Amino acid sequence: MSKLIRVLIVDDSAVVCQALTEILSADPAIEVMATAPDPLIAATDLR
């Protein structure tokens, strides 16, 4: 069994985040953990 790939999407465009979430979530091997509008917020989310 393969490992699940967990992803954090970081982009300042909500449309891009939504599109990437939909595309990546279509693959059962990928789990979108969260989205963030900038790297500082993403770093906080990782903690």
N, C-alpha and C. Protein backbone atom coordinates (compact mmCIF):
# COMPACT_ATOMS: atom_id res chain seq x y z
N MET A 1 0.85 -1.18 0.00
CA MET A 1 0.00 0.00 0.00
C MET A 1 0.89 1.24 0.00
N SER A 2 0.57 2.22 -0.83
CA SER A 2 1.37 3.44 -0.92
C SER A 2 0.96 4.42 0.18
N LYS A 3 1.90 5.29 0.52
CA LYS A 3 1.64 6.30 1.54
C LYS A 3 0.79 7.43 0.96
N LEU A 4 -0.03 8.02 1.80
CA LEU A 4 -0.85 9.15 1.42
C LEU A 4 0.02 10.40 1.35
N ILE A 5 -0.10 11.16 0.30
CA ILE A 5 0.63 12.40 0.13
C ILE A 5 -0.22 13.53 0.69
N ARG A 6 0.31 14.24 1.68
CA ARG A 6 -0.42 15.35 2.28
C ARG A 6 0.14 16.66 1.76
N VAL A 7 -0.77 17.58 1.36
CA VAL A 7 -0.38 18.81 0.67
C VAL A 7 -0.94 20.03 1.39
N LEU A 8 -0.12 21.08 1.47
CA LEU A 8 -0.57 22.39 1.92
C LEU A 8 -0.43 23.32 0.72
N ILE A 9 -1.54 23.89 0.26
CA ILE A 9 -1.54 24.77 -0.91
C ILE A 9 -1.40 26.22 -0.43
N VAL A 10 -0.41 26.93 -1.00
CA VAL A 10 -0.19 28.33 -0.65
C VAL A 10 -0.25 29.17 -1.92
N ASP A 11 -1.24 30.05 -1.98
CA ASP A 11 -1.39 30.97 -3.11
C ASP A 11 -2.28 32.11 -2.66
N ASP A 12 -2.00 33.31 -3.14
CA ASP A 12 -2.80 34.46 -2.73
C ASP A 12 -4.13 34.58 -3.46
N SER A 13 -4.35 33.72 -4.43
CA SER A 13 -5.61 33.73 -5.16
C SER A 13 -6.52 32.60 -4.66
N ALA A 14 -7.69 32.98 -4.17
CA ALA A 14 -8.64 31.98 -3.69
C ALA A 14 -9.10 31.06 -4.83
N VAL A 15 -9.19 31.60 -6.03
CA VAL A 15 -9.60 30.80 -7.20
C VAL A 15 -8.56 29.72 -7.50
N VAL A 16 -7.29 30.10 -7.45
CA VAL A 16 -6.23 29.13 -7.71
C VAL A 16 -6.21 28.07 -6.61
N CYS A 17 -6.35 28.48 -5.36
CA CYS A 17 -6.39 27.51 -4.25
C CYS A 17 -7.53 26.53 -4.43
N GLN A 18 -8.69 27.02 -4.80
CA GLN A 18 -9.85 26.16 -4.99
C GLN A 18 -9.62 25.20 -6.15
N ALA A 19 -9.10 25.71 -7.26
CA ALA A 19 -8.84 24.85 -8.43
C ALA A 19 -7.82 23.77 -8.11
N LEU A 20 -6.73 24.15 -7.45
CA LEU A 20 -5.71 23.16 -7.09
C LEU A 20 -6.27 22.13 -6.11
N THR A 21 -7.09 22.58 -5.17
CA THR A 21 -7.70 21.66 -4.22
C THR A 21 -8.57 20.64 -4.94
N GLU A 22 -9.38 21.10 -5.88
CA GLU A 22 -10.24 20.18 -6.62
C GLU A 22 -9.44 19.20 -7.47
N ILE A 23 -8.41 19.70 -8.14
CA ILE A 23 -7.59 18.84 -9.00
C ILE A 23 -6.85 17.80 -8.17
N LEU A 24 -6.19 18.25 -7.11
CA LEU A 24 -5.40 17.32 -6.30
C LEU A 24 -6.28 16.34 -5.52
N SER A 25 -7.44 16.80 -5.06
CA SER A 25 -8.33 15.93 -4.29
C SER A 25 -8.94 14.82 -5.14
N ALA A 26 -8.91 14.97 -6.44
CA ALA A 26 -9.44 13.94 -7.32
C ALA A 26 -8.59 12.68 -7.28
N ASP A 27 -7.34 12.81 -6.86
CA ASP A 27 -6.44 11.67 -6.76
C ASP A 27 -6.55 11.09 -5.35
N PRO A 28 -6.92 9.83 -5.20
CA PRO A 28 -7.09 9.26 -3.86
C PRO A 28 -5.79 9.15 -3.08
N ALA A 29 -4.65 9.29 -3.73
CA ALA A 29 -3.36 9.21 -3.05
C ALA A 29 -2.92 10.56 -2.47
N ILE A 30 -3.71 11.62 -2.72
CA ILE A 30 -3.35 12.97 -2.27
C ILE A 30 -4.43 13.51 -1.35
N GLU A 31 -4.00 14.05 -0.22
CA GLU A 31 -4.92 14.70 0.71
C GLU A 31 -4.50 16.15 0.87
N VAL A 32 -5.38 17.08 0.53
CA VAL A 32 -5.11 18.50 0.74
C VAL A 32 -5.45 18.80 2.20
N MET A 33 -4.41 19.10 2.97
CA MET A 33 -4.57 19.33 4.40
C MET A 33 -5.16 20.71 4.69
N ALA A 34 -4.69 21.72 3.93
CA ALA A 34 -5.14 23.09 4.16
C ALA A 34 -4.71 23.97 3.00
N THR A 35 -5.27 25.18 2.99
CA THR A 35 -4.82 26.20 2.05
C THR A 35 -4.47 27.45 2.85
N ALA A 36 -3.58 28.26 2.30
CA ALA A 36 -3.18 29.50 2.97
C ALA A 36 -2.91 30.56 1.91
N PRO A 37 -3.21 31.82 2.24
CA PRO A 37 -3.03 32.89 1.26
C PRO A 37 -1.60 33.43 1.17
N ASP A 38 -0.75 33.12 2.15
CA ASP A 38 0.65 33.56 2.05
C ASP A 38 1.55 32.64 2.88
N PRO A 39 2.86 32.69 2.64
CA PRO A 39 3.79 31.77 3.31
C PRO A 39 3.84 31.91 4.83
N LEU A 40 3.65 33.11 5.35
CA LEU A 40 3.69 33.28 6.80
C LEU A 40 2.53 32.56 7.48
N ILE A 41 1.36 32.66 6.90
CA ILE A 41 0.20 31.95 7.45
C ILE A 41 0.40 30.45 7.29
N ALA A 42 0.96 30.03 6.17
CA ALA A 42 1.22 28.61 5.94
C ALA A 42 2.18 28.07 7.00
N ALA A 43 3.23 28.82 7.30
CA ALA A 43 4.20 28.39 8.31
C ALA A 43 3.53 28.26 9.68
N THR A 44 2.63 29.17 10.00
CA THR A 44 1.89 29.09 11.25
C THR A 44 0.99 27.86 11.28
N ASP A 45 0.36 27.57 10.14
CA ASP A 45 -0.52 26.39 10.06
C ASP A 45 0.24 25.09 10.25
N LEU A 46 1.50 25.08 9.87
CA LEU A 46 2.30 23.85 9.98
C LEU A 46 2.69 23.55 11.41
N ARG A 47 2.68 24.52 12.27
CA ARG A 47 3.11 24.33 13.66
C ARG A 47 2.06 23.69 14.48
